């Protein structure tokens, strides 16, 4: 600001200075203000039941005797060799 813009009486005269209304120069800045925002989270442990077949086998054992019946003749004798060669 130069002296001619000031009107403060610096021009050599003894005039009473005129005080003007102030000029406001605003410098805006941003200052963060943290506002808590709560987000509730609920964890659910879910167990789903799935039907799975489990095959169970009950085992039993028995002995069966198959009787071919009493022979009417010697099967070995029908062959070309002797009955006694069969056993020895």
C-alpha atoms as a PDB file:
ATOM      1  CA  UNK A   1       0.000   0.000   0.000  1.00  0.00           C
ATOM      2  CA  UNK A   2       1.423   3.350  -0.950  1.00  0.00           C
ATOM      3  CA  UNK A   3       1.151   6.597   1.055  1.00  0.00           C
ATOM      4  CA  UNK A   4      -1.415   8.130  -1.263  1.00  0.00           C
ATOM      5  CA  UNK A   5      -3.750   5.160  -0.680  1.00  0.00           C
ATOM      6  CA  UNK A   6      -3.428   5.386   3.102  1.00  0.00           C
ATOM      7  CA  UNK A   7      -4.882   8.815   3.914  1.00  0.00           C
ATOM      8  CA  UNK A   8      -3.118   8.623   7.257  1.00  0.00           C
ATOM      9  CA  UNK A   9      -1.924  12.223   7.232  1.00  0.00           C
ATOM     10  CA  UNK A  10       1.578  11.423   6.097  1.00  0.00           C
ATOM     11  CA  UNK A  11       1.365  13.976   3.293  1.00  0.00           C
ATOM     12  CA  UNK A  12       2.868  16.690   5.555  1.00  0.00           C
ATOM     13  CA  UNK A  13      -0.331  18.231   6.839  1.00  0.00           C
ATOM     14  CA  UNK A  14      -1.537  18.131  10.424  1.00  0.00           C
ATOM     15  CA  UNK A  15      -4.906  16.777   9.440  1.00  0.00           C
ATOM     16  CA  UNK A  16      -6.649  14.385  11.740  1.00  0.00           C
ATOM     17  CA  UNK A  17      -6.468  10.847  10.308  1.00  0.00           C
ATOM     18  CA  UNK A  18      -9.629   9.196   9.100  1.00  0.00           C
ATOM     19  CA  UNK A  19      -9.948   5.596  10.242  1.00  0.00           C
ATOM     20  CA  UNK A  20     -11.907   3.476   7.857  1.00  0.00           C
ATOM     21  CA  UNK A  21     -13.801   0.315   8.649  1.00  0.00           C
ATOM     22  CA  UNK A  22     -11.508  -2.679   8.558  1.00  0.00           C
ATOM     23  CA  UNK A  23     -11.372  -4.938   5.570  1.00  0.00           C
ATOM     24  CA  UNK A  24     -11.598  -8.596   6.383  1.00  0.00           C
ATOM     25  CA  UNK A  25      -9.389 -11.010   4.527  1.00  0.00           C
ATOM     26  CA  UNK A  26     -10.514 -14.500   5.386  1.00  0.00           C
ATOM     27  CA  UNK A  27      -8.188 -17.444   4.966  1.00  0.00           C
ATOM     28  CA  UNK A  28     -10.258 -20.612   5.187  1.00  0.00           C
ATOM     29  CA  UNK A  29      -8.570 -23.784   6.246  1.00  0.00           C
ATOM     30  CA  UNK A  30     -10.064 -27.137   7.056  1.00  0.00           C
ATOM     31  CA  UNK A  31      -9.432 -28.846  10.338  1.00  0.00           C
ATOM     32  CA  UNK A  32     -10.749 -32.404  10.591  1.00  0.00           C
ATOM     33  CA  UNK A  33     -13.066 -33.226  13.431  1.00  0.00           C
ATOM     34  CA  UNK A  34     -13.585 -36.923  13.777  1.00  0.00           C
ATOM     35  CA  UNK A  35     -17.128 -37.926  14.549  1.00  0.00           C
ATOM     36  CA  UNK A  36     -17.449 -41.564  15.607  1.00  0.00           C
ATOM     37  CA  UNK A  37     -19.835 -43.570  13.464  1.00  0.00           C
ATOM     38  CA  UNK A  38     -20.458 -47.010  14.938  1.00  0.00           C
ATOM     39  CA  UNK A  39     -21.200 -49.930  12.628  1.00  0.00           C
ATOM     40  CA  UNK A  40     -22.152 -52.947  14.725  1.00  0.00           C
ATOM     41  CA  UNK A  41     -21.100 -56.291  13.265  1.00  0.00           C
ATOM     42  CA  UNK A  42     -22.559 -59.528  14.594  1.00  0.00           C
ATOM     43  CA  UNK A  43     -20.732 -62.747  13.661  1.00  0.00           C
ATOM     44  CA  UNK A  44     -23.009 -65.775  13.576  1.00  0.00           C
ATOM     45  CA  UNK A  45     -21.439 -69.235  13.673  1.00  0.00           C
ATOM     46  CA  UNK A  46     -24.102 -71.343  12.039  1.00  0.00           C
ATOM     47  CA  UNK A  47     -23.853 -75.133  11.956  1.00  0.00           C
ATOM     48  CA  UNK A  48     -26.061 -76.700   9.311  1.00  0.00           C
ATOM     49  CA  UNK A  49     -26.982 -80.343   9.749  1.00  0.00           C
ATOM     50  CA  UNK A  50     -26.608 -82.451   6.623  1.00  0.00           C
ATOM     51  CA  UNK A  51     -27.961 -86.002   6.582  1.00  0.00           C
ATOM     52  CA  UNK A  52     -25.261 -88.379   5.367  1.00  0.00           C
ATOM     53  CA  UNK A  53     -26.102 -92.078   5.082  1.00  0.00           C
ATOM     54  CA  UNK A  54     -23.870 -94.380   7.073  1.00  0.00           C
ATOM     55  CA  UNK A  55     -24.271 -97.944   5.886  1.00  0.00           C
ATOM     56  CA  UNK A  56     -23.887-100.550   8.597  1.00  0.00           C
ATOM     57  CA  UNK A  57     -23.504-104.177   7.576  1.00  0.00           C
ATOM     58  CA  UNK A  58     -24.247-106.874  10.125  1.00  0.00           C
ATOM     59  CA  UNK A  59     -22.221-109.926   9.229  1.00  0.00           C
ATOM     60  CA  UNK A  60     -22.991-113.433  10.341  1.00  0.00           C
ATOM     61  CA  UNK A  61     -21.400-116.719   9.518  1.00  0.00           C
ATOM     62  CA  UNK A  62     -22.793-120.224   9.379  1.00  0.00           C
ATOM     63  CA  UNK A  63     -21.553-123.536   8.222  1.00  0.00           C
ATOM     64  CA  UNK A  64     -23.632-125.552   5.815  1.00  0.00           C
ATOM     65  CA  UNK A  65     -22.916-129.168   5.068  1.00  0.00           C
ATOM     66  CA  UNK A  66     -23.834-130.292   1.592  1.00  0.00           C
ATOM     67  CA  UNK A  67     -24.287-134.073   1.524  1.00  0.00           C
ATOM     68  CA  UNK A  68     -24.060-135.458  -1.997  1.00  0.00           C
ATOM     69  CA  UNK A  69     -25.656-138.618  -0.804  1.00  0.00           C
ATOM     70  CA  UNK A  70     -24.262-142.112  -0.435  1.00  0.00           C
ATOM     71  CA  UNK A  71     -22.457-143.289  -3.600  1.00  0.00           C
ATOM     72  CA  UNK A  72     -23.888-146.305  -5.283  1.00  0.00           C
ATOM     73  CA  UNK A  73     -20.588-147.261  -6.897  1.00  0.00           C
ATOM     74  CA  UNK A  74     -16.944-146.189  -6.848  1.00  0.00           C
ATOM     75  CA  UNK A  75     -16.311-143.264  -9.163  1.00  0.00           C
ATOM     76  CA  UNK A  76     -12.610-144.075  -9.288  1.00  0.00           C
ATOM     77  CA  UNK A  77     -13.283-147.591 -10.509  1.00  0.00           C
ATOM     78  CA  UNK A  78     -14.889-146.224 -13.636  1.00  0.00           C
ATOM     79  CA  UNK A  79     -11.487-144.984 -14.643  1.00  0.00           C
ATOM     80  CA  UNK A  80      -8.763-147.059 -16.169  1.00  0.00           C
ATOM     81  CA  UNK A  81      -6.770-147.482 -12.985  1.00  0.00           C
ATOM     82  CA  UNK A  82      -7.304-149.284  -9.731  1.00  0.00           C
ATOM     83  CA  UNK A  83      -9.300-147.960  -6.754  1.00  0.00           C
ATOM     84  CA  UNK A  84      -6.273-148.377  -4.529  1.00  0.00           C
ATOM     85  CA  UNK A  85      -4.145-146.032  -6.668  1.00  0.00           C
ATOM     86  CA  UNK A  86      -6.511-143.262  -5.771  1.00  0.00           C
ATOM     87  CA  UNK A  87      -5.633-143.289  -2.086  1.00  0.00           C
ATOM     88  CA  UNK A  88      -1.877-143.801  -2.406  1.00  0.00           C
END
